[in-house]
mmCIF file of all heavy atoms, coordinates in Angstrom:
data_MODEL
# 
_entry.id   MODEL 
# 
loop_
_atom_site.group_PDB 
_atom_site.id 
_atom_site.type_symbol 
_atom_site.label_atom_id 
_atom_site.label_alt_id 
_atom_site.label_comp_id 
_atom_site.label_asym_id 
_atom_site.label_entity_id 
_atom_site.label_seq_id 
_atom_site.pdbx_PDB_ins_code 
_atom_site.Cartn_x 
_atom_site.Cartn_y 
_atom_site.Cartn_z 
_atom_site.occupancy 
_atom_site.B_iso_or_equiv 
_atom_site.pdbx_formal_charge 
_atom_site.auth_seq_id 
_atom_site.auth_comp_id 
_atom_site.auth_asym_id 
_atom_site.auth_atom_id 
_atom_site.pdbx_PDB_model_num 
ATOM 1   N N   . ILE A 1 1  ? 4.242   11.480  15.325 1.00 0.00 ? 1  ILE A N   1 
ATOM 2   C CA  . ILE A 1 1  ? 3.262   11.400  16.505 1.00 0.00 ? 1  ILE A CA  1 
ATOM 3   C C   . ILE A 1 1  ? 4.151   11.759  17.715 1.00 0.00 ? 1  ILE A C   1 
ATOM 4   O O   . ILE A 1 1  ? 4.959   10.966  18.279 1.00 0.00 ? 1  ILE A O   1 
ATOM 5   C CB  . ILE A 1 1  ? 2.785   9.886   16.700 1.00 0.00 ? 1  ILE A CB  1 
ATOM 6   C CG1 . ILE A 1 1  ? 2.118   9.445   15.363 1.00 0.00 ? 1  ILE A CG1 1 
ATOM 7   C CG2 . ILE A 1 1  ? 1.816   9.891   17.844 1.00 0.00 ? 1  ILE A CG2 1 
ATOM 8   C CD1 . ILE A 1 1  ? 1.536   7.974   15.464 1.00 0.00 ? 1  ILE A CD1 1 
ATOM 9   N N   . ASP A 1 2  ? 3.872   13.030  18.128 1.00 0.00 ? 2  ASP A N   1 
ATOM 10  C CA  . ASP A 1 2  ? 4.657   13.448  19.195 1.00 0.00 ? 2  ASP A CA  1 
ATOM 11  C C   . ASP A 1 2  ? 4.394   12.836  20.504 1.00 0.00 ? 2  ASP A C   1 
ATOM 12  O O   . ASP A 1 2  ? 5.290   12.765  21.345 1.00 0.00 ? 2  ASP A O   1 
ATOM 13  C CB  . ASP A 1 2  ? 4.422   15.123  19.437 1.00 0.00 ? 2  ASP A CB  1 
ATOM 14  C CG  . ASP A 1 2  ? 4.780   15.916  18.182 1.00 0.00 ? 2  ASP A CG  1 
ATOM 15  O OD1 . ASP A 1 2  ? 5.891   15.486  17.640 1.00 0.00 ? 2  ASP A OD1 1 
ATOM 16  O OD2 . ASP A 1 2  ? 4.176   16.832  17.948 1.00 0.00 ? 2  ASP A OD2 1 
ATOM 17  N N   . ALA A 1 3  ? 3.135   12.348  20.764 1.00 0.00 ? 3  ALA A N   1 
ATOM 18  C CA  . ALA A 1 3  ? 2.868   11.733  21.923 1.00 0.00 ? 3  ALA A CA  1 
ATOM 19  C C   . ALA A 1 3  ? 3.585   10.452  22.236 1.00 0.00 ? 3  ALA A C   1 
ATOM 20  O O   . ALA A 1 3  ? 3.878   10.065  23.426 1.00 0.00 ? 3  ALA A O   1 
ATOM 21  C CB  . ALA A 1 3  ? 1.376   11.398  22.016 1.00 0.00 ? 3  ALA A CB  1 
ATOM 22  N N   . LEU A 1 4  ? 3.890   9.766   21.101 1.00 0.00 ? 4  LEU A N   1 
ATOM 23  C CA  . LEU A 1 4  ? 4.630   8.542   21.138 1.00 0.00 ? 4  LEU A CA  1 
ATOM 24  C C   . LEU A 1 4  ? 6.159   8.745   20.938 1.00 0.00 ? 4  LEU A C   1 
ATOM 25  O O   . LEU A 1 4  ? 7.018   7.828   21.098 1.00 0.00 ? 4  LEU A O   1 
ATOM 26  C CB  . LEU A 1 4  ? 4.167   7.539   20.228 1.00 0.00 ? 4  LEU A CB  1 
ATOM 27  C CG  . LEU A 1 4  ? 2.722   7.155   20.384 1.00 0.00 ? 4  LEU A CG  1 
ATOM 28  C CD1 . LEU A 1 4  ? 2.260   6.074   19.275 1.00 0.00 ? 4  LEU A CD1 1 
ATOM 29  C CD2 . LEU A 1 4  ? 2.489   6.396   21.770 1.00 0.00 ? 4  LEU A CD2 1 
ATOM 30  N N   . GLY A 1 5  ? 6.480   9.923   20.332 1.00 0.00 ? 5  GLY A N   1 
ATOM 31  C CA  . GLY A 1 5  ? 7.832   10.243  20.010 1.00 0.00 ? 5  GLY A CA  1 
ATOM 32  C C   . GLY A 1 5  ? 8.350   9.375   18.879 1.00 0.00 ? 5  GLY A C   1 
ATOM 33  O O   . GLY A 1 5  ? 9.603   9.030   18.687 1.00 0.00 ? 5  GLY A O   1 
ATOM 34  N N   . VAL A 1 6  ? 7.504   9.111   17.917 1.00 0.00 ? 6  VAL A N   1 
ATOM 35  C CA  . VAL A 1 6  ? 7.955   8.337   16.680 1.00 0.00 ? 6  VAL A CA  1 
ATOM 36  C C   . VAL A 1 6  ? 7.604   9.144   15.504 1.00 0.00 ? 6  VAL A C   1 
ATOM 37  O O   . VAL A 1 6  ? 6.584   9.947   15.366 1.00 0.00 ? 6  VAL A O   1 
ATOM 38  C CB  . VAL A 1 6  ? 7.250   7.040   16.751 1.00 0.00 ? 6  VAL A CB  1 
ATOM 39  C CG1 . VAL A 1 6  ? 7.728   6.273   17.843 1.00 0.00 ? 6  VAL A CG1 1 
ATOM 40  C CG2 . VAL A 1 6  ? 5.716   7.183   16.719 1.00 0.00 ? 6  VAL A CG2 1 
ATOM 41  N N   . ALA A 1 7  ? 8.361   8.919   14.329 1.00 0.00 ? 7  ALA A N   1 
ATOM 42  C CA  . ALA A 1 7  ? 8.071   9.382   13.048 1.00 0.00 ? 7  ALA A CA  1 
ATOM 43  C C   . ALA A 1 7  ? 7.853   8.238   12.174 1.00 0.00 ? 7  ALA A C   1 
ATOM 44  O O   . ALA A 1 7  ? 8.702   7.437   12.010 1.00 0.00 ? 7  ALA A O   1 
ATOM 45  C CB  . ALA A 1 7  ? 9.255   10.253  12.575 1.00 0.00 ? 7  ALA A CB  1 
ATOM 46  N N   . LEU A 1 8  ? 6.593   8.210   11.523 1.00 0.00 ? 8  LEU A N   1 
ATOM 47  C CA  . LEU A 1 8  ? 6.240   6.974   10.726 1.00 0.00 ? 8  LEU A CA  1 
ATOM 48  C C   . LEU A 1 8  ? 6.394   7.296   9.211  1.00 0.00 ? 8  LEU A C   1 
ATOM 49  O O   . LEU A 1 8  ? 6.020   8.352   8.756  1.00 0.00 ? 8  LEU A O   1 
ATOM 50  C CB  . LEU A 1 8  ? 4.794   6.608   11.003 1.00 0.00 ? 8  LEU A CB  1 
ATOM 51  C CG  . LEU A 1 8  ? 4.432   6.156   12.562 1.00 0.00 ? 8  LEU A CG  1 
ATOM 52  C CD1 . LEU A 1 8  ? 3.058   5.856   12.535 1.00 0.00 ? 8  LEU A CD1 1 
ATOM 53  C CD2 . LEU A 1 8  ? 5.256   5.064   12.972 1.00 0.00 ? 8  LEU A CD2 1 
ATOM 54  N N   . SER A 1 9  ? 7.032   6.421   8.599  1.00 0.00 ? 9  SER A N   1 
ATOM 55  C CA  . SER A 1 9  ? 7.044   6.322   7.169  1.00 0.00 ? 9  SER A CA  1 
ATOM 56  C C   . SER A 1 9  ? 5.871   5.537   6.620  1.00 0.00 ? 9  SER A C   1 
ATOM 57  O O   . SER A 1 9  ? 5.203   4.896   7.335  1.00 0.00 ? 9  SER A O   1 
ATOM 58  C CB  . SER A 1 9  ? 8.544   5.744   6.620  1.00 0.00 ? 9  SER A CB  1 
ATOM 59  O OG  . SER A 1 9  ? 8.528   4.343   6.885  1.00 0.00 ? 9  SER A OG  1 
ATOM 60  N N   . TRP A 1 10 ? 5.691   5.677   5.242  1.00 0.00 ? 10 TRP A N   1 
ATOM 61  C CA  . TRP A 1 10 ? 4.685   4.833   4.569  1.00 0.00 ? 10 TRP A CA  1 
ATOM 62  C C   . TRP A 1 10 ? 4.945   3.382   4.794  1.00 0.00 ? 10 TRP A C   1 
ATOM 63  O O   . TRP A 1 10 ? 3.994   2.606   5.125  1.00 0.00 ? 10 TRP A O   1 
ATOM 64  C CB  . TRP A 1 10 ? 4.585   5.085   3.045  1.00 0.00 ? 10 TRP A CB  1 
ATOM 65  C CG  . TRP A 1 10 ? 3.786   6.297   2.721  1.00 0.00 ? 10 TRP A CG  1 
ATOM 66  C CD1 . TRP A 1 10 ? 4.442   7.460   2.168  1.00 0.00 ? 10 TRP A CD1 1 
ATOM 67  C CD2 . TRP A 1 10 ? 2.405   6.492   3.018  1.00 0.00 ? 10 TRP A CD2 1 
ATOM 68  N NE1 . TRP A 1 10 ? 3.305   8.304   2.123  1.00 0.00 ? 10 TRP A NE1 1 
ATOM 69  C CE2 . TRP A 1 10 ? 2.207   7.829   2.552  1.00 0.00 ? 10 TRP A CE2 1 
ATOM 70  C CE3 . TRP A 1 10 ? 1.373   5.753   3.664  1.00 0.00 ? 10 TRP A CE3 1 
ATOM 71  C CZ2 . TRP A 1 10 ? 0.939   8.410   2.662  1.00 0.00 ? 10 TRP A CZ2 1 
ATOM 72  C CZ3 . TRP A 1 10 ? 0.173   6.335   3.675  1.00 0.00 ? 10 TRP A CZ3 1 
ATOM 73  C CH2 . TRP A 1 10 ? -0.060  7.616   3.160  1.00 0.00 ? 10 TRP A CH2 1 
ATOM 74  N N   . ARG A 1 11 ? 6.176   2.844   4.862  1.00 0.00 ? 11 ARG A N   1 
ATOM 75  C CA  . ARG A 1 11 ? 6.481   1.514   5.102  1.00 0.00 ? 11 ARG A CA  1 
ATOM 76  C C   . ARG A 1 11 ? 6.102   1.181   6.613  1.00 0.00 ? 11 ARG A C   1 
ATOM 77  O O   . ARG A 1 11 ? 5.517   0.146   6.790  1.00 0.00 ? 11 ARG A O   1 
ATOM 78  C CB  . ARG A 1 11 ? 8.061   1.212   5.068  1.00 0.00 ? 11 ARG A CB  1 
ATOM 79  C CG  . ARG A 1 11 ? 8.445   -0.126  5.484  1.00 0.00 ? 11 ARG A CG  1 
ATOM 80  C CD  . ARG A 1 11 ? 9.928   -0.290  5.467  1.00 0.00 ? 11 ARG A CD  1 
ATOM 81  N NE  . ARG A 1 11 ? 10.499  -1.647  5.947  1.00 0.00 ? 11 ARG A NE  1 
ATOM 82  C CZ  . ARG A 1 11 ? 10.824  -1.819  7.209  1.00 0.00 ? 11 ARG A CZ  1 
ATOM 83  N NH1 . ARG A 1 11 ? 10.678  -0.863  8.148  1.00 0.00 ? 11 ARG A NH1 1 
ATOM 84  N NH2 . ARG A 1 11 ? 11.121  -3.117  7.549  1.00 0.00 ? 11 ARG A NH2 1 
ATOM 85  N N   . ASP A 1 12 ? 6.486   2.088   7.534  1.00 0.00 ? 12 ASP A N   1 
ATOM 86  C CA  . ASP A 1 12 ? 5.946   1.824   8.904  1.00 0.00 ? 12 ASP A CA  1 
ATOM 87  C C   . ASP A 1 12 ? 4.453   1.673   9.039  1.00 0.00 ? 12 ASP A C   1 
ATOM 88  O O   . ASP A 1 12 ? 3.881   0.850   9.708  1.00 0.00 ? 12 ASP A O   1 
ATOM 89  C CB  . ASP A 1 12 ? 6.593   2.985   9.867  1.00 0.00 ? 12 ASP A CB  1 
ATOM 90  C CG  . ASP A 1 12 ? 7.940   2.974   9.857  1.00 0.00 ? 12 ASP A CG  1 
ATOM 91  O OD1 . ASP A 1 12 ? 8.623   1.936   9.780  1.00 0.00 ? 12 ASP A OD1 1 
ATOM 92  O OD2 . ASP A 1 12 ? 8.561   4.205   9.920  1.00 0.00 ? 12 ASP A OD2 1 
ATOM 93  N N   . ILE A 1 13 ? 3.734   2.599   8.415  1.00 0.00 ? 13 ILE A N   1 
ATOM 94  C CA  . ILE A 1 13 ? 2.237   2.576   8.388  1.00 0.00 ? 13 ILE A CA  1 
ATOM 95  C C   . ILE A 1 13 ? 1.727   1.248   7.873  1.00 0.00 ? 13 ILE A C   1 
ATOM 96  O O   . ILE A 1 13 ? 0.737   0.660   8.417  1.00 0.00 ? 13 ILE A O   1 
ATOM 97  C CB  . ILE A 1 13 ? 1.748   3.690   7.614  1.00 0.00 ? 13 ILE A CB  1 
ATOM 98  C CG1 . ILE A 1 13 ? 2.110   5.060   8.315  1.00 0.00 ? 13 ILE A CG1 1 
ATOM 99  C CG2 . ILE A 1 13 ? 0.127   3.748   7.508  1.00 0.00 ? 13 ILE A CG2 1 
ATOM 100 C CD1 . ILE A 1 13 ? 1.827   6.427   7.641  1.00 0.00 ? 13 ILE A CD1 1 
ATOM 101 N N   . ILE A 1 14 ? 2.322   0.801   6.659  1.00 0.00 ? 14 ILE A N   1 
ATOM 102 C CA  . ILE A 1 14 ? 1.853   -0.477  6.042  1.00 0.00 ? 14 ILE A CA  1 
ATOM 103 C C   . ILE A 1 14 ? 2.188   -1.593  7.025  1.00 0.00 ? 14 ILE A C   1 
ATOM 104 O O   . ILE A 1 14 ? 1.278   -2.489  7.130  1.00 0.00 ? 14 ILE A O   1 
ATOM 105 C CB  . ILE A 1 14 ? 2.636   -0.742  4.705  1.00 0.00 ? 14 ILE A CB  1 
ATOM 106 C CG1 . ILE A 1 14 ? 2.153   0.458   3.765  1.00 0.00 ? 14 ILE A CG1 1 
ATOM 107 C CG2 . ILE A 1 14 ? 2.408   -1.977  4.247  1.00 0.00 ? 14 ILE A CG2 1 
ATOM 108 C CD1 . ILE A 1 14 ? 2.860   0.420   2.426  1.00 0.00 ? 14 ILE A CD1 1 
ATOM 109 N N   . LEU A 1 15 ? 3.311   -1.609  7.671  1.00 0.00 ? 15 LEU A N   1 
ATOM 110 C CA  . LEU A 1 15 ? 3.668   -2.641  8.713  1.00 0.00 ? 15 LEU A CA  1 
ATOM 111 C C   . LEU A 1 15 ? 2.617   -2.682  9.798  1.00 0.00 ? 15 LEU A C   1 
ATOM 112 O O   . LEU A 1 15 ? 2.174   -3.666  10.259 1.00 0.00 ? 15 LEU A O   1 
ATOM 113 C CB  . LEU A 1 15 ? 5.077   -2.576  9.162  1.00 0.00 ? 15 LEU A CB  1 
ATOM 114 C CG  . LEU A 1 15 ? 6.148   -2.796  8.164  1.00 0.00 ? 15 LEU A CG  1 
ATOM 115 C CD1 . LEU A 1 15 ? 7.461   -2.687  8.803  1.00 0.00 ? 15 LEU A CD1 1 
ATOM 116 C CD2 . LEU A 1 15 ? 6.021   -4.162  7.621  1.00 0.00 ? 15 LEU A CD2 1 
ATOM 117 N N   . VAL A 1 16 ? 2.324   -1.484  10.365 1.00 0.00 ? 16 VAL A N   1 
ATOM 118 C CA  . VAL A 1 16 ? 1.334   -1.333  11.406 1.00 0.00 ? 16 VAL A CA  1 
ATOM 119 C C   . VAL A 1 16 ? 0.003   -1.876  11.031 1.00 0.00 ? 16 VAL A C   1 
ATOM 120 O O   . VAL A 1 16 ? -0.610  -2.666  11.670 1.00 0.00 ? 16 VAL A O   1 
ATOM 121 C CB  . VAL A 1 16 ? 1.270   0.034   11.900 1.00 0.00 ? 16 VAL A CB  1 
ATOM 122 C CG1 . VAL A 1 16 ? 0.279   0.156   13.068 1.00 0.00 ? 16 VAL A CG1 1 
ATOM 123 C CG2 . VAL A 1 16 ? 2.692   0.470   12.717 1.00 0.00 ? 16 VAL A CG2 1 
ATOM 124 N N   . VAL A 1 17 ? -0.469  -1.431  9.878  1.00 0.00 ? 17 VAL A N   1 
ATOM 125 C CA  . VAL A 1 17 ? -1.805  -1.855  9.429  1.00 0.00 ? 17 VAL A CA  1 
ATOM 126 C C   . VAL A 1 17 ? -1.832  -3.327  9.148  1.00 0.00 ? 17 VAL A C   1 
ATOM 127 O O   . VAL A 1 17 ? -2.667  -4.117  9.550  1.00 0.00 ? 17 VAL A O   1 
ATOM 128 C CB  . VAL A 1 17 ? -2.275  -1.059  8.132  1.00 0.00 ? 17 VAL A CB  1 
ATOM 129 C CG1 . VAL A 1 17 ? -3.547  -1.619  7.659  1.00 0.00 ? 17 VAL A CG1 1 
ATOM 130 C CG2 . VAL A 1 17 ? -2.418  0.384   8.516  1.00 0.00 ? 17 VAL A CG2 1 
ATOM 131 N N   . GLY A 1 18 ? -0.860  -3.838  8.384  1.00 0.00 ? 18 GLY A N   1 
ATOM 132 C CA  . GLY A 1 18 ? -0.717  -5.371  8.055  1.00 0.00 ? 18 GLY A CA  1 
ATOM 133 C C   . GLY A 1 18 ? -0.606  -6.185  9.249  1.00 0.00 ? 18 GLY A C   1 
ATOM 134 O O   . GLY A 1 18 ? -1.161  -7.083  9.474  1.00 0.00 ? 18 GLY A O   1 
ATOM 135 N N   . GLY A 1 19 ? 0.278   -5.646  10.236 1.00 0.00 ? 19 GLY A N   1 
ATOM 136 C CA  . GLY A 1 19 ? 0.542   -6.499  11.416 1.00 0.00 ? 19 GLY A CA  1 
ATOM 137 C C   . GLY A 1 19 ? -0.854  -6.422  12.321 1.00 0.00 ? 19 GLY A C   1 
ATOM 138 O O   . GLY A 1 19 ? -1.158  -7.504  12.865 1.00 0.00 ? 19 GLY A O   1 
ATOM 139 N N   . GLY A 1 20 ? -1.410  -5.309  12.363 1.00 0.00 ? 20 GLY A N   1 
ATOM 140 C CA  . GLY A 1 20 ? -2.764  -5.348  13.064 1.00 0.00 ? 20 GLY A CA  1 
ATOM 141 C C   . GLY A 1 20 ? -3.803  -6.247  12.484 1.00 0.00 ? 20 GLY A C   1 
ATOM 142 O O   . GLY A 1 20 ? -4.473  -6.878  13.167 1.00 0.00 ? 20 GLY A O   1 
ATOM 143 N N   . PHE A 1 21 ? -3.722  -6.358  11.101 1.00 0.00 ? 21 PHE A N   1 
ATOM 144 C CA  . PHE A 1 21 ? -4.702  -7.225  10.394 1.00 0.00 ? 21 PHE A CA  1 
ATOM 145 C C   . PHE A 1 21 ? -4.347  -8.598  10.812 1.00 0.00 ? 21 PHE A C   1 
ATOM 146 O O   . PHE A 1 21 ? -5.234  -9.538  11.134 1.00 0.00 ? 21 PHE A O   1 
ATOM 147 C CB  . PHE A 1 21 ? -4.615  -7.042  9.065  1.00 0.00 ? 21 PHE A CB  1 
ATOM 148 C CG  . PHE A 1 21 ? -5.414  -8.022  8.123  1.00 0.00 ? 21 PHE A CG  1 
ATOM 149 C CD1 . PHE A 1 21 ? -6.793  -7.852  8.136  1.00 0.00 ? 21 PHE A CD1 1 
ATOM 150 C CD2 . PHE A 1 21 ? -4.754  -9.091  7.528  1.00 0.00 ? 21 PHE A CD2 1 
ATOM 151 C CE1 . PHE A 1 21 ? -7.519  -8.839  7.338  1.00 0.00 ? 21 PHE A CE1 1 
ATOM 152 C CE2 . PHE A 1 21 ? -5.597  -10.019 6.772  1.00 0.00 ? 21 PHE A CE2 1 
ATOM 153 C CZ  . PHE A 1 21 ? -6.909  -9.998  6.733  1.00 0.00 ? 21 PHE A CZ  1 
ATOM 154 N N   . LEU A 1 22 ? -3.020  -9.051  10.910 1.00 0.00 ? 22 LEU A N   1 
ATOM 155 C CA  . LEU A 1 22 ? -2.632  -10.331 11.207 1.00 0.00 ? 22 LEU A CA  1 
ATOM 156 C C   . LEU A 1 22 ? -3.015  -10.716 12.691 1.00 0.00 ? 22 LEU A C   1 
ATOM 157 O O   . LEU A 1 22 ? -3.499  -11.768 12.970 1.00 0.00 ? 22 LEU A O   1 
ATOM 158 C CB  . LEU A 1 22 ? -1.146  -10.522 11.123 1.00 0.00 ? 22 LEU A CB  1 
ATOM 159 C CG  . LEU A 1 22 ? -0.663  -10.927 9.711  1.00 0.00 ? 22 LEU A CG  1 
ATOM 160 C CD1 . LEU A 1 22 ? 0.794   -11.086 9.815  1.00 0.00 ? 22 LEU A CD1 1 
ATOM 161 C CD2 . LEU A 1 22 ? -1.263  -12.195 9.084  1.00 0.00 ? 22 LEU A CD2 1 
ATOM 162 N N   . VAL A 1 23 ? -2.872  -9.758  13.569 1.00 0.00 ? 23 VAL A N   1 
ATOM 163 C CA  . VAL A 1 23 ? -3.269  -9.830  14.919 1.00 0.00 ? 23 VAL A CA  1 
ATOM 164 C C   . VAL A 1 23 ? -4.787  -10.145 15.020 1.00 0.00 ? 23 VAL A C   1 
ATOM 165 O O   . VAL A 1 23 ? -5.190  -11.097 15.808 1.00 0.00 ? 23 VAL A O   1 
ATOM 166 C CB  . VAL A 1 23 ? -2.808  -8.655  15.870 1.00 0.00 ? 23 VAL A CB  1 
ATOM 167 C CG1 . VAL A 1 23 ? -3.365  -8.832  17.176 1.00 0.00 ? 23 VAL A CG1 1 
ATOM 168 C CG2 . VAL A 1 23 ? -1.265  -8.684  15.962 1.00 0.00 ? 23 VAL A CG2 1 
ATOM 169 N N   . TRP A 1 24 ? -5.516  -9.372  14.308 1.00 0.00 ? 24 TRP A N   1 
ATOM 170 C CA  . TRP A 1 24 ? -6.922  -9.444  14.447 1.00 0.00 ? 24 TRP A CA  1 
ATOM 171 C C   . TRP A 1 24 ? -7.355  -10.852 13.850 1.00 0.00 ? 24 TRP A C   1 
ATOM 172 O O   . TRP A 1 24 ? -8.162  -11.537 14.427 1.00 0.00 ? 24 TRP A O   1 
ATOM 173 C CB  . TRP A 1 24 ? -7.546  -8.342  13.613 1.00 0.00 ? 24 TRP A CB  1 
ATOM 174 C CG  . TRP A 1 24 ? -9.068  -8.469  13.345 1.00 0.00 ? 24 TRP A CG  1 
ATOM 175 C CD1 . TRP A 1 24 ? -10.035 -8.343  14.300 1.00 0.00 ? 24 TRP A CD1 1 
ATOM 176 C CD2 . TRP A 1 24 ? -9.668  -9.066  12.187 1.00 0.00 ? 24 TRP A CD2 1 
ATOM 177 N NE1 . TRP A 1 24 ? -11.406 -8.622  13.835 1.00 0.00 ? 24 TRP A NE1 1 
ATOM 178 C CE2 . TRP A 1 24 ? -11.167 -9.060  12.417 1.00 0.00 ? 24 TRP A CE2 1 
ATOM 179 C CE3 . TRP A 1 24 ? -9.230  -9.341  10.887 1.00 0.00 ? 24 TRP A CE3 1 
ATOM 180 C CZ2 . TRP A 1 24 ? -12.062 -9.582  11.471 1.00 0.00 ? 24 TRP A CZ2 1 
ATOM 181 C CZ3 . TRP A 1 24 ? -10.143 -9.905  9.985  1.00 0.00 ? 24 TRP A CZ3 1 
ATOM 182 C CH2 . TRP A 1 24 ? -11.420 -9.984  10.227 1.00 0.00 ? 24 TRP A CH2 1 
ATOM 183 N N   . LYS A 1 25 ? -6.829  -11.165 12.739 1.00 0.00 ? 25 LYS A N   1 
ATOM 184 C CA  . LYS A 1 25 ? -7.124  -12.406 12.087 1.00 0.00 ? 25 LYS A CA  1 
ATOM 185 C C   . LYS A 1 25 ? -6.830  -13.663 12.976 1.00 0.00 ? 25 LYS A C   1 
ATOM 186 O O   . LYS A 1 25 ? -7.673  -14.562 13.195 1.00 0.00 ? 25 LYS A O   1 
ATOM 187 C CB  . LYS A 1 25 ? -6.526  -12.526 10.744 1.00 0.00 ? 25 LYS A CB  1 
ATOM 188 C CG  . LYS A 1 25 ? -7.068  -13.689 9.839  1.00 0.00 ? 25 LYS A CG  1 
ATOM 189 C CD  . LYS A 1 25 ? -8.519  -13.581 9.522  1.00 0.00 ? 25 LYS A CD  1 
ATOM 190 C CE  . LYS A 1 25 ? -9.009  -14.724 8.699  1.00 0.00 ? 25 LYS A CE  1 
ATOM 191 N NZ  . LYS A 1 25 ? -10.473 -14.495 8.362  1.00 0.00 ? 25 LYS A NZ  1 
ATOM 192 N N   . ALA A 1 26 ? -5.552  -13.616 13.468 1.00 0.00 ? 26 ALA A N   1 
ATOM 193 C CA  . ALA A 1 26 ? -5.136  -14.776 14.366 1.00 0.00 ? 26 ALA A CA  1 
ATOM 194 C C   . ALA A 1 26 ? -6.016  -14.835 15.556 1.00 0.00 ? 26 ALA A C   1 
ATOM 195 O O   . ALA A 1 26 ? -6.369  -15.951 16.023 1.00 0.00 ? 26 ALA A O   1 
ATOM 196 C CB  . ALA A 1 26 ? -3.680  -14.626 14.631 1.00 0.00 ? 26 ALA A CB  1 
ATOM 197 N N   . THR A 1 27 ? -6.273  -13.638 16.182 1.00 0.00 ? 27 THR A N   1 
ATOM 198 C CA  . THR A 1 27 ? -7.116  -13.665 17.454 1.00 0.00 ? 27 THR A CA  1 
ATOM 199 C C   . THR A 1 27 ? -8.461  -14.249 17.159 1.00 0.00 ? 27 THR A C   1 
ATOM 200 O O   . THR A 1 27 ? -9.032  -15.113 18.019 1.00 0.00 ? 27 THR A O   1 
ATOM 201 C CB  . THR A 1 27 ? -7.209  -12.298 17.939 1.00 0.00 ? 27 THR A CB  1 
ATOM 202 O OG1 . THR A 1 27 ? -5.912  -11.717 18.302 1.00 0.00 ? 27 THR A OG1 1 
ATOM 203 C CG2 . THR A 1 27 ? -8.003  -12.193 19.276 1.00 0.00 ? 27 THR A CG2 1 
# 
C-alpha cells in the first residue's frame, strides 16, 4: 500500500481483519 508506505503479508492481513473484528465486537 504505497499511500501508507506499508507492505502487508498474509499474517498482517489476518491480524488486521481479526483485530478489526475484535474492535467491532467489543465496541
